[in-house]
Amino acid sequence: MHDRRYGSFEELIKSCSMLPPLRTAVVYPCEKIALSGAAAAAAAGIIKPTLVGPETEIRALAASLGIDLGGTEVCDEQDSRMAAEYAAGLADRGRVDALMKGSLESAELMSPVVKKNSGLRTARRISHVFVIKAPAYSKLLLLTDGAINIAPTLEEKVDIVQNAIDLAHALGMLCPKVAILSAIEMVRPSIPSTIDAAALCKMADRGQITGAILDGPLAFDEAISREAAAVKRIESAVAGDPDILLVPDLDAGNMLAKEVRLFAGAEEAGIVLGARVPIILTSRADNVHARIASCAIAALYARGPARVAG
């Protein structure tokens, strides 16, 4: 059995043509890109949207953009907080299989999902994964967590990396390679992220993390570049060829994701994992194509070999 890796966002989107549309609650789509992205994903057959927000405003925006809502269900909720609550309830009751961010703040969307009595929580830590296609890299690259967990503990990193591994499996990577990033490749007690990296690797050896090859700590250059790894005499199955980058904290991950997009012209999509349903979480600045790709990733994940604990 071989990997069936996707090399581009276009391949991801095309692969969804064989899947039924993913029932998706689109939360507060009250800006042009938010509504256009959901409409385009629906037109491509990737999602079946339920729009949650102020109905009059949404229909007026759709009319101004030439979007025919046709038989699309619109659930009238006048403010973004109530829209998020209502959408989470739809997912909890099994009426939708995914949530999608519209034009509200990420924290507002996630609030009803992460609260203690939420029916959408699982035993897993909730985390975010960027899926990146950078021109200078030969394959899709997953980066986690640059959006949800601010300063994750070692225990939380176990769930964060396992979530990303499960997504990698859904995207056709049978045994993804995980580079655990730090500032240096040596284990130094003075740099806590190097200790976490070493512990995560040993946990993988003991079967506490499954389905991937882990190595770390690795600095970014030797993680991505075989030449840099060779110069530093690092012998590793991961260095120079990772599928997943696990960053030390949110600051590092968020800056890295934005740097590769702005300086290297990378395409990026985003998804939140660890809840009972995938959550399509893009930046409000992301374009329509990024939103379609994020929907495709959610559709593949929802129907792939994910192993989210209940």
Foldseek 3Di string as FASTA:
>chain_A
DAFPFDFDLVSLLVVQVPPAAFEEEEAAQQDDQLLLLVLVLVVSRNHQYAYEEAVVRSVVSCVVVVHDCDPHHYHHDHDRLVSLLVRLVCVLVVVGQEYEYHPDDPCSNCVLQPDPPRSFFFPADKAKWKWKNFPVARGIAIEIHQPDFAADDLVNVLRGVLQVLLLVVLNRDQAFEEAEEDQAFDQDPVGVSQVSLVVSQVCVVVVSRDRYHYDDDDHPCQQQCVVVCVVVPHDDPRGNPGRYYYYRGNVVRNVVVVCSCPVRVMQIFMWMDRTSHIYGDDDNPHGSSNSSSSSSSRSSSSPGPGDRHD
